[in-house]
Amino acid sequence: MFERFTPAAREIVVVALEEARMMRHARIGTEHLLVAVAEHPAIGVLGLTRERARAEVVRTVGLGETYVEGQLPFTPAAQDALDASLHEAMRLGHERVEPGHVVLGLLRQRDGVALRVIAAAGGAPRDIRDAVIRELTQPAGDAVMVRLNEDAIGDLGNPRADARVLLAILERDGPIAAWLRERGVDEAVVRPMLSDD
């Protein structure tokens, strides 16, 4: 099944396994998948960082008694969520499962702990679903399209020109902007570079 998952989507599964082990749980549930994908832009907008999601999961289901070594099985809800992520990808005409598809799969699990955690954070599954679908169906070229005049493009490598490009990407608030923010590059960092403009 995971051969259709992109490296980023596979990483979610690996992180979910690590989270389940850290919480001393014997199975990987939707709650562990949620912690692994918590900083996805559509969920991160709730302020649901990995740390906050982890704390909410522990508050909701507690910690296990003993650390479990080796491979852990998925709960039926988590397995259904992963299967649903593949179905969501196919329904949208995508050949590979991205992290956004995993989010969509989690949102389909009405009995999973993940939805309780999202609700506790004030999230509306329909709004999250709509945001993820918008992101996943946005044309790839559109995510990085930045309108710059020819002088600015020819001036790339100049810190001010680079800052204008970064600011334009951040203002579009797409997946590349989210990637930059995860690495500490946001408007507050970039704007001082333009102070002489």
Foldseek 3Di string as FASTA:
>chain_A
DCVQADPQLVQLVVQQQVLCQVLQHQARFLLSSCLSLCLPVLNCVLVRHSVNSSVLVCVVPNGDDDGDDDDGHHDPLLVQLVVQLCVVCVVLVHRHRYSLSSLVSSLVRPPTCSVVSSVVSVHDSVSSNVVSSCQVNPPPVVLQDFDDDPVLVVVPVPLQSVLNSLQRNCVVVHPVVSVCVVVPDHPVVSVVSNVVD
